[in-house]
Amino acid sequence: MGNRMLFVCHANECRSPVMAGTMIAALEAAVRQDDWRVSSAGTDSRGGSLCPVAVGVLSDTMDPQLLADFQDHFVSTPIAQRTLERADLIITASREERSAIALRVPAARPRTFTLREAVSLGAGDGESAVDLAEYADILHERRGLTGAASHRRLLALRKSNDPNDIPDVHHAALRAHRAGLQEVREAAHALASGILAAIGE
């Protein structure tokens, strides 16, 4: 069956692929990729290719061959009902995507978190989990018990005052685009580290 993890953003061209690629790289480094299923999707995907800026950001995280395989097999994908129903943990870029998923599949709400939210909730007391589904349960139980995520903010880009949102930087200037995706990569790496530390073999 495997641990099923889904990353979601608006178009599935920048933020969610960077999250997914970072997680895949972490699993590869930990030699634990065989029992995991990592995918990404968009709430308004148009079937586009992987953003070149995202490729550049992932090149600092993924082995060249792993990145080449990831890029070759990537196509922007819309979220599917079955995928939402089966995912053990769903990570979104912002509250907008999190809300869209909750409206579409209400039962997925306890398993759906923004990236920043999941990192903040996972920074606990080192509690362990047998699998990703149990890890999602732990995060859900901690909702409302921790403060908002504290992190470097891209004030010029942020449309929301909620620090758990990571803004869509796809149409921003190149420097801001790259900085925004580097922020995504850093948060995704923190998430991956927390998950792999909690779920032992």
C-alpha atoms as a PDB file:
ATOM      1  CA  MET A   1       0.000   0.000   0.000  1.00  0.00           C
ATOM      2  CA  GLY A   2       2.639   2.543   1.017  1.00  0.00           C
ATOM      3  CA  ASN A   3       2.449   5.947   2.658  1.00  0.00           C
ATOM      4  CA  ARG A   4       0.531   8.203   0.260  1.00  0.00           C
ATOM      5  CA  MET A   5       1.471  11.884   0.341  1.00  0.00           C
ATOM      6  CA  LEU A   6      -0.062  14.564  -1.868  1.00  0.00           C
ATOM      7  CA  PHE A   7       1.183  18.135  -2.355  1.00  0.00           C
ATOM      8  CA  VAL A   8      -1.227  20.715  -3.754  1.00  0.00           C
ATOM      9  CA  CYS A   9      -0.972  24.284  -5.028  1.00  0.00           C
ATOM     10  CA  HIS A  10      -2.958  26.327  -7.551  1.00  0.00           C
ATOM     11  CA  ALA A  11      -1.499  25.336 -10.933  1.00  0.00           C
ATOM     12  CA  ASN A  12       0.826  22.469  -9.949  1.00  0.00           C
ATOM     13  CA  GLU A  13       3.742  24.015 -11.806  1.00  0.00           C
ATOM     14  CA  CYS A  14       5.867  25.631  -9.079  1.00  0.00           C
ATOM     15  CA  ARG A  15       5.124  25.273  -5.385  1.00  0.00           C
ATOM     16  CA  SER A  16       3.671  21.764  -5.145  1.00  0.00           C
ATOM     17  CA  PRO A  17       6.281  20.193  -7.476  1.00  0.00           C
ATOM     18  CA  VAL A  18       9.051  21.764  -5.380  1.00  0.00           C
ATOM     19  CA  MET A  19       7.439  20.302  -2.247  1.00  0.00           C
ATOM     20  CA  ALA A  20       7.095  16.880  -3.865  1.00  0.00           C
ATOM     21  CA  GLY A  21      10.605  16.902  -5.323  1.00  0.00           C
ATOM     22  CA  THR A  22      12.104  17.865  -1.977  1.00  0.00           C
ATOM     23  CA  MET A  23      10.235  15.026  -0.256  1.00  0.00           C
ATOM     24  CA  ILE A  24      11.304  12.537  -2.932  1.00  0.00           C
ATOM     25  CA  ALA A  25      14.940  13.622  -2.499  1.00  0.00           C
ATOM     26  CA  ALA A  26      14.682  13.153   1.277  1.00  0.00           C
ATOM     27  CA  LEU A  27      13.200   9.680   0.841  1.00  0.00           C
ATOM     28  CA  GLU A  28      15.904   8.767  -1.670  1.00  0.00           C
ATOM     29  CA  ALA A  29      18.623   9.884   0.744  1.00  0.00           C
ATOM     30  CA  ALA A  30      17.022   7.842   3.537  1.00  0.00           C
ATOM     31  CA  VAL A  31      16.658   4.812   1.212  1.00  0.00           C
ATOM     32  CA  ARG A  32      12.949   4.652   2.023  1.00  0.00           C
ATOM     33  CA  GLN A  33      11.304   5.463  -1.289  1.00  0.00           C
ATOM     34  CA  ASP A  34       9.919   1.982  -2.020  1.00  0.00           C
ATOM     35  CA  ASP A  35       7.053   2.119   0.489  1.00  0.00           C
ATOM     36  CA  TRP A  36       6.071   5.745  -0.235  1.00  0.00           C
ATOM     37  CA  ARG A  37       3.874   7.308  -2.901  1.00  0.00           C
ATOM     38  CA  VAL A  38       4.554  11.035  -3.382  1.00  0.00           C
ATOM     39  CA  SER A  39       2.537  13.058  -5.885  1.00  0.00           C
ATOM     40  CA  SER A  40       1.432  16.611  -6.562  1.00  0.00           C
ATOM     41  CA  ALA A  41      -1.616  18.262  -8.105  1.00  0.00           C
ATOM     42  CA  GLY A  42      -3.281  21.628  -8.620  1.00  0.00           C
ATOM     43  CA  THR A  43      -6.696  23.027  -7.815  1.00  0.00           C
ATOM     44  CA  ASP A  44      -6.644  24.764 -11.214  1.00  0.00           C
ATOM     45  CA  SER A  45      -4.129  22.750 -13.225  1.00  0.00           C
ATOM     46  CA  ARG A  46      -3.984  23.298 -16.986  1.00  0.00           C
ATOM     47  CA  GLY A  47      -1.649  20.432 -17.879  1.00  0.00           C
ATOM     48  CA  GLY A  48       1.485  22.565 -18.048  1.00  0.00           C
ATOM     49  CA  SER A  49       5.100  21.513 -17.631  1.00  0.00           C
ATOM     50  CA  LEU A  50       7.365  21.965 -14.658  1.00  0.00           C
ATOM     51  CA  CYS A  51       8.359  25.600 -14.161  1.00  0.00           C
ATOM     52  CA  PRO A  52      12.026  26.212 -15.159  1.00  0.00           C
ATOM     53  CA  VAL A  53      12.606  28.202 -11.968  1.00  0.00           C
ATOM     54  CA  ALA A  54      11.331  25.233  -9.957  1.00  0.00           C
ATOM     55  CA  VAL A  55      13.795  23.009 -11.811  1.00  0.00           C
ATOM     56  CA  GLY A  56      16.606  25.353 -10.829  1.00  0.00           C
ATOM     57  CA  VAL A  57      15.566  25.379  -7.178  1.00  0.00           C
ATOM     58  CA  LEU A  58      15.232  21.584  -7.105  1.00  0.00           C
ATOM     59  CA  SER A  59      18.702  21.197  -8.627  1.00  0.00           C
ATOM     60  CA  ASP A  60      20.123  22.198  -5.241  1.00  0.00           C
ATOM     61  CA  THR A  61      18.200  19.360  -3.566  1.00  0.00           C
ATOM     62  CA  MET A  62      17.818  16.502  -6.006  1.00  0.00           C
ATOM     63  CA  ASP A  63      20.512  14.315  -7.519  1.00  0.00           C
ATOM     64  CA  PRO A  64      20.862  15.215 -11.243  1.00  0.00           C
ATOM     65  CA  GLN A  65      19.521  11.849 -12.436  1.00  0.00           C
ATOM     66  CA  LEU A  66      16.669  11.904  -9.932  1.00  0.00           C
ATOM     67  CA  LEU A  67      15.775  15.430 -11.029  1.00  0.00           C
ATOM     68  CA  ALA A  68      15.940  14.439 -14.700  1.00  0.00           C
ATOM     69  CA  ASP A  69      13.554  11.535 -14.069  1.00  0.00           C
ATOM     70  CA  PHE A  70      11.247  13.768 -12.044  1.00  0.00           C
ATOM     71  CA  GLN A  71      11.194  16.389 -14.792  1.00  0.00           C
ATOM     72  CA  ASP A  72      10.734  13.857 -17.601  1.00  0.00           C
ATOM     73  CA  HIS A  73       7.697  12.276 -15.957  1.00  0.00           C
ATOM     74  CA  PHE A  74       6.120  15.480 -14.682  1.00  0.00           C
ATOM     75  CA  VAL A  75       2.912  16.963 -16.041  1.00  0.00           C
ATOM     76  CA  SER A  76       0.720  19.413 -14.186  1.00  0.00           C
ATOM     77  CA  THR A  77      -2.217  17.402 -12.855  1.00  0.00           C
ATOM     78  CA  PRO A  78      -5.625  18.461 -11.491  1.00  0.00           C
ATOM     79  CA  ILE A  79      -6.621  17.105  -8.093  1.00  0.00           C
ATOM     80  CA  ALA A  80      -8.705  13.965  -8.401  1.00  0.00           C
ATOM     81  CA  GLN A  81     -11.413  12.790  -6.028  1.00  0.00           C
ATOM     82  CA  ARG A  82      -9.870   9.340  -5.654  1.00  0.00           C
ATOM     83  CA  THR A  83      -6.432  10.764  -4.895  1.00  0.00           C
ATOM     84  CA  LEU A  84      -7.835  13.027  -2.179  1.00  0.00           C
ATOM     85  CA  GLU A  85      -9.759  10.147  -0.661  1.00  0.00           C
ATOM     86  CA  ARG A  86      -6.748   7.823  -0.579  1.00  0.00           C
ATOM     87  CA  ALA A  87      -3.984  10.224   0.504  1.00  0.00           C
ATOM     88  CA  ASP A  88      -2.691   9.708   4.039  1.00  0.00           C
ATOM     89  CA  LEU A  89      -1.392  13.283   4.261  1.00  0.00           C
ATOM     90  CA  ILE A  90      -2.225  16.265   2.049  1.00  0.00           C
ATOM     91  CA  ILE A  91      -0.015  19.360   2.127  1.00  0.00           C
ATOM     92  CA  THR A  92      -1.105  22.594   0.464  1.00  0.00           C
ATOM     93  CA  ALA A  93       0.701  25.829  -0.300  1.00  0.00           C
ATOM     94  CA  SER A  94      -1.993  28.002   1.259  1.00  0.00           C
ATOM     95  CA  ARG A  95      -5.331  28.062   3.053  1.00  0.00           C
ATOM     96  CA  GLU A  96      -7.052  28.626  -0.297  1.00  0.00           C
ATOM     97  CA  GLU A  97      -6.105  25.161  -1.552  1.00  0.00           C
ATOM     98  CA  ARG A  98      -6.723  23.641   1.873  1.00  0.00           C
ATOM     99  CA  SER A  99     -10.255  25.050   1.851  1.00  0.00           C
ATOM    100  CA  ALA A 100     -10.887  23.855  -1.708  1.00  0.00           C
ATOM    101  CA  ILE A 101      -9.954  20.316  -0.703  1.00  0.00           C
ATOM    102  CA  ALA A 102     -12.137  20.412   2.421  1.00  0.00           C
ATOM    103  CA  LEU A 103     -15.102  21.542   0.338  1.00  0.00           C
ATOM    104  CA  ARG A 104     -14.555  18.849  -2.265  1.00  0.00           C
ATOM    105  CA  VAL A 105     -13.847  15.978   0.136  1.00  0.00           C
ATOM    106  CA  PRO A 106     -14.881  16.936   3.705  1.00  0.00           C
ATOM    107  CA  ALA A 107     -13.476  13.679   5.074  1.00  0.00           C
ATOM    108  CA  ALA A 108      -9.986  14.764   3.931  1.00  0.00           C
ATOM    109  CA  ARG A 109      -9.941  17.844   6.159  1.00  0.00           C
ATOM    110  CA  PRO A 110      -8.257  16.136   9.169  1.00  0.00           C
ATOM    111  CA  ARG A 111      -5.462  14.992   6.835  1.00  0.00           C
ATOM    112  CA  THR A 112      -4.975  18.352   5.082  1.00  0.00           C
ATOM    113  CA  PHE A 113      -2.584  21.081   6.229  1.00  0.00           C
ATOM    114  CA  THR A 114      -0.745  24.008   4.728  1.00  0.00           C
ATOM    115  CA  LEU A 115       2.994  23.398   4.455  1.00  0.00           C
ATOM    116  CA  ARG A 116       3.839  25.957   7.122  1.00  0.00           C
ATOM    117  CA  GLU A 117       1.091  24.634   9.374  1.00  0.00           C
ATOM    118  CA  ALA A 118       2.375  21.061   9.094  1.00  0.00           C
ATOM    119  CA  VAL A 119       5.951  22.131   9.880  1.00  0.00           C
ATOM    120  CA  SER A 120       4.787  24.085  12.925  1.00  0.00           C
ATOM    121  CA  LEU A 121       2.536  21.305  14.225  1.00  0.00           C
ATOM    122  CA  GLY A 122       5.238  18.713  13.640  1.00  0.00           C
ATOM    123  CA  ALA A 123       7.803  20.598  15.713  1.00  0.00           C
ATOM    124  CA  GLY A 124       6.640  18.845  18.863  1.00  0.00           C
ATOM    125  CA  ASP A 125       8.116  16.546  21.442  1.00  0.00           C
ATOM    126  CA  GLY A 126       9.491  13.921  19.094  1.00  0.00           C
ATOM    127  CA  GLU A 127       6.389  11.746  19.170  1.00  0.00           C
ATOM    128  CA  SER A 128       6.693   8.731  16.887  1.00  0.00           C
ATOM    129  CA  ALA A 129       4.213   7.285  14.399  1.00  0.00           C
ATOM    130  CA  VAL A 130       3.961   3.908  12.714  1.00  0.00           C
ATOM    131  CA  ASP A 131       3.008   5.391   9.347  1.00  0.00           C
ATOM    132  CA  LEU A 132       1.997   8.579   7.546  1.00  0.00           C
ATOM    133  CA  ALA A 133      -1.682   8.190   8.423  1.00  0.00           C
ATOM    134  CA  GLU A 134      -0.839   8.136  12.121  1.00  0.00           C
ATOM    135  CA  TYR A 135       1.489  11.105  11.666  1.00  0.00           C
ATOM    136  CA  ALA A 136      -1.398  13.049  10.103  1.00  0.00           C
ATOM    137  CA  ASP A 137      -3.549  12.110  13.123  1.00  0.00           C
ATOM    138  CA  ILE A 138      -0.893  13.535  15.454  1.00  0.00           C
ATOM    139  CA  LEU A 139      -0.774  16.801  13.503  1.00  0.00           C
ATOM    140  CA  HIS A 140      -4.565  17.041  13.536  1.00  0.00           C
ATOM    141  CA  GLU A 141      -4.707  16.520  17.304  1.00  0.00           C
ATOM    142  CA  ARG A 142      -2.298  19.447  17.743  1.00  0.00           C
ATOM    143  CA  ARG A 143      -4.393  21.928  15.753  1.00  0.00           C
ATOM    144  CA  GLY A 144      -5.122  24.993  17.833  1.00  0.00           C
ATOM    145  CA  LEU A 145      -2.506  24.036  20.417  1.00  0.00           C
ATOM    146  CA  THR A 146       0.398  25.834  18.755  1.00  0.00           C
ATOM    147  CA  GLY A 147       0.877  29.369  17.530  1.00  0.00           C
ATOM    148  CA  ALA A 148       1.142  30.429  13.909  1.00  0.00           C
ATOM    149  CA  ALA A 149       4.279  29.549  12.026  1.00  0.00           C
ATOM    150  CA  SER A 150       7.144  31.976  12.469  1.00  0.00           C
ATOM    151  CA  HIS A 151       9.350  32.478   9.435  1.00  0.00           C
ATOM    152  CA  ARG A 152      10.906  34.903   7.005  1.00  0.00           C
ATOM    153  CA  ARG A 153       8.094  36.659   5.140  1.00  0.00           C
ATOM    154  CA  LEU A 154       8.069  37.848   1.542  1.00  0.00           C
ATOM    155  CA  LEU A 155       6.046  40.954   2.355  1.00  0.00           C
ATOM    156  CA  ALA A 156       5.937  42.275  -1.180  1.00  0.00           C
ATOM    157  CA  LEU A 157       4.367  39.055  -2.412  1.00  0.00           C
ATOM    158  CA  ARG A 158       2.158  37.969   0.452  1.00  0.00           C
ATOM    159  CA  LYS A 159      -1.536  38.559  -0.270  1.00  0.00           C
ATOM    160  CA  SER A 160      -2.572  37.229   3.110  1.00  0.00           C
ATOM    161  CA  ASN A 161      -1.660  38.182   6.644  1.00  0.00           C
ATOM    162  CA  ASP A 162      -1.722  34.514   7.622  1.00  0.00           C
ATOM    163  CA  PRO A 163       1.882  33.348   8.095  1.00  0.00           C
ATOM    164  CA  ASN A 164       0.850  29.793   7.186  1.00  0.00           C
ATOM    165  CA  ASP A 165       0.256  30.799   3.554  1.00  0.00           C
ATOM    166  CA  ILE A 166       3.023  30.622   0.970  1.00  0.00           C
ATOM    167  CA  PRO A 167       2.077  32.939  -1.915  1.00  0.00           C
ATOM    168  CA  ASP A 168       1.965  32.019  -5.584  1.00  0.00           C
ATOM    169  CA  VAL A 169       5.143  33.509  -7.070  1.00  0.00           C
ATOM    170  CA  HIS A 170       4.837  32.049 -10.566  1.00  0.00           C
ATOM    171  CA  HIS A 171       4.225  35.403 -12.254  1.00  0.00           C
ATOM    172  CA  ALA A 172       6.529  37.420 -10.003  1.00  0.00           C
ATOM    173  CA  ALA A 173       9.867  38.881 -11.116  1.00  0.00           C
ATOM    174  CA  LEU A 174      12.582  36.241 -11.486  1.00  0.00           C
ATOM    175  CA  ARG A 175      14.412  37.138  -8.277  1.00  0.00           C
ATOM    176  CA  ALA A 176      11.216  37.059  -6.221  1.00  0.00           C
ATOM    177  CA  HIS A 177      10.081  33.888  -7.997  1.00  0.00           C
ATOM    178  CA  ARG A 178      13.291  32.084  -7.114  1.00  0.00           C
ATOM    179  CA  ALA A 179      13.276  33.371  -3.522  1.00  0.00           C
ATOM    180  CA  GLY A 180       9.689  32.252  -3.047  1.00  0.00           C
ATOM    181  CA  LEU A 181      10.418  28.738  -4.292  1.00  0.00           C
ATOM    182  CA  GLN A 182      13.538  28.542  -2.148  1.00  0.00           C
ATOM    183  CA  GLU A 183      11.285  29.332   0.801  1.00  0.00           C
ATOM    184  CA  VAL A 184       9.012  26.466  -0.265  1.00  0.00           C
ATOM    185  CA  ARG A 185      11.992  24.109  -0.567  1.00  0.00           C
ATOM    186  CA  GLU A 186      13.295  25.014   2.883  1.00  0.00           C
ATOM    187  CA  ALA A 187       9.906  24.442   4.502  1.00  0.00           C
ATOM    188  CA  ALA A 188       9.409  21.183   2.598  1.00  0.00           C
ATOM    189  CA  HIS A 189      12.817  19.979   3.735  1.00  0.00           C
ATOM    190  CA  ALA A 190      11.869  20.728   7.351  1.00  0.00           C
ATOM    191  CA  LEU A 191       8.627  18.810   6.869  1.00  0.00           C
ATOM    192  CA  ALA A 192      10.403  15.825   5.319  1.00  0.00           C
ATOM    193  CA  SER A 193      12.969  15.740   8.129  1.00  0.00           C
ATOM    194  CA  GLY A 194      10.229  15.787  10.762  1.00  0.00           C
ATOM    195  CA  ILE A 195       8.228  13.046   9.076  1.00  0.00           C
ATOM    196  CA  LEU A 196      11.193  10.739   8.563  1.00  0.00           C
ATOM    197  CA  ALA A 197      12.313  11.266  12.165  1.00  0.00           C
ATOM    198  CA  ALA A 198       8.830  10.415  13.460  1.00  0.00           C
ATOM    199  CA  ILE A 199       8.202   7.383  11.245  1.00  0.00           C
ATOM    200  CA  GLY A 200      10.932   4.881  11.979  1.00  0.00           C
ATOM    201  CA  GLU A 201      11.517   1.689  10.074  1.00  0.00           C
END
